[in-house]
Amino acid sequence: MKFKQNISIINALMRITCGFTFLTWATAKMVKKPWKNQSYLVVVMISAMKIGEGILRYCPIVDAMENGQNLMKKEHNQEYDSNPSDSY
């Protein structure tokens, strides 16, 4: 499966920066309070995902939204072609 890059360089750099920031914060909190790992573990996983998205410049959520919008446009065009409105 080939992935087409769908985010810009600036967006990718912001994702990497924010991802590393939250990853560092969550890791520091996990070291300080190891008995509260579960909530910080979620932040670590989301941060790692954002870092990966920034490095690859591919976001699956953006891709899904673009595909959904294209599908809606196709359905709208097909509906319009099959049911032309009455002109007055």
Protein backbone atom coordinates (compact mmCIF):
# COMPACT_ATOMS: atom_id res chain seq x y z
CA MET A 1 0.00 0.00 0.00
CA LYS A 2 1.44 3.35 -1.07
CA PHE A 3 0.85 6.45 0.98
CA LYS A 4 0.81 9.85 -0.63
CA GLN A 5 2.16 12.66 1.53
CA ASN A 6 -0.83 14.78 2.53
CA ILE A 7 0.50 17.36 5.00
CA SER A 8 2.83 20.29 4.41
CA ILE A 9 6.37 20.75 5.68
CA ILE A 10 5.26 23.36 8.24
CA ASN A 11 2.47 21.06 9.48
CA ALA A 12 4.94 18.18 9.72
CA LEU A 13 7.43 20.25 11.70
CA MET A 14 4.68 21.37 14.09
CA ARG A 15 3.59 17.75 14.60
CA ILE A 16 7.15 16.65 15.32
CA THR A 17 7.77 19.54 17.72
CA CYS A 18 4.50 19.09 19.63
CA GLY A 19 4.94 15.32 19.62
CA PHE A 20 8.41 15.51 21.19
CA THR A 21 7.21 18.12 23.68
CA PHE A 22 4.32 15.99 24.91
CA LEU A 23 6.44 12.84 24.82
CA THR A 24 9.04 14.49 27.05
CA TRP A 25 6.37 15.82 29.42
CA ALA A 26 4.61 12.45 29.73
CA THR A 27 7.87 10.56 30.19
CA ALA A 28 8.94 12.93 32.97
CA LYS A 29 5.56 12.51 34.68
CA MET A 30 5.79 8.71 34.37
CA VAL A 31 9.23 8.73 36.04
CA LYS A 32 8.03 11.02 38.83
CA LYS A 33 4.76 9.12 39.52
CA PRO A 34 5.09 5.55 38.22
CA TRP A 35 1.84 4.41 39.86
CA LYS A 36 -0.16 6.69 37.50
CA ASN A 37 1.18 5.18 34.28
CA GLN A 38 -2.08 4.55 32.46
CA SER A 39 -3.07 8.17 31.73
CA TYR A 40 0.46 9.19 30.79
CA LEU A 41 0.88 6.10 28.62
CA VAL A 42 -1.98 7.31 26.41
CA VAL A 43 -0.24 10.67 25.98
CA VAL A 44 3.01 8.87 25.10
CA MET A 45 1.25 6.78 22.44
CA ILE A 46 -0.52 9.79 20.89
CA SER A 47 2.73 11.78 20.93
CA ALA A 48 4.59 8.96 19.21
CA MET A 49 1.85 8.79 16.58
CA LYS A 50 2.19 12.55 15.93
CA ILE A 51 5.97 12.24 15.61
CA GLY A 52 5.52 9.43 13.09
CA GLU A 53 2.96 11.44 11.13
CA GLY A 54 5.36 14.37 10.99
CA ILE A 55 8.28 12.26 9.81
CA LEU A 56 6.26 10.47 7.13
CA ARG A 57 4.20 13.58 6.27
CA TYR A 58 1.12 11.36 6.11
CA CYS A 59 -1.91 11.65 8.37
CA PRO A 60 -4.55 8.92 8.08
CA ILE A 61 -7.25 11.18 9.54
CA VAL A 62 -6.61 13.87 6.91
CA ASP A 63 -6.66 11.16 4.24
CA ALA A 64 -9.99 9.79 5.50
CA MET A 65 -11.51 13.28 5.56
CA GLU A 66 -10.34 13.99 1.99
CA ASN A 67 -11.71 10.65 0.79
CA GLY A 68 -15.02 11.34 2.53
CA GLN A 69 -15.30 14.76 0.92
CA ASN A 70 -14.52 13.30 -2.51
CA LEU A 71 -17.15 10.60 -1.97
CA MET A 72 -19.74 13.20 -0.94
CA LYS A 73 -18.97 15.27 -4.07
CA LYS A 74 -19.37 12.19 -6.28
CA GLU A 75 -22.69 11.29 -4.66
CA HIS A 76 -23.91 14.87 -4.99
CA ASN A 77 -22.94 14.99 -8.67
CA GLN A 78 -24.59 11.63 -9.38
CA GLU A 79 -27.75 12.73 -7.58
CA TYR A 80 -27.81 15.97 -9.53
CA ASP A 81 -27.26 14.18 -12.86
CA SER A 82 -29.99 11.60 -12.23
CA ASN A 83 -32.55 14.05 -10.75
CA PRO A 84 -32.30 17.40 -12.51
CA SER A 85 -34.38 20.03 -10.78
CA ASP A 86 -37.38 21.51 -12.49
CA SER A 87 -36.79 24.92 -13.94
CA TYR A 88 -39.46 27.50 -13.42
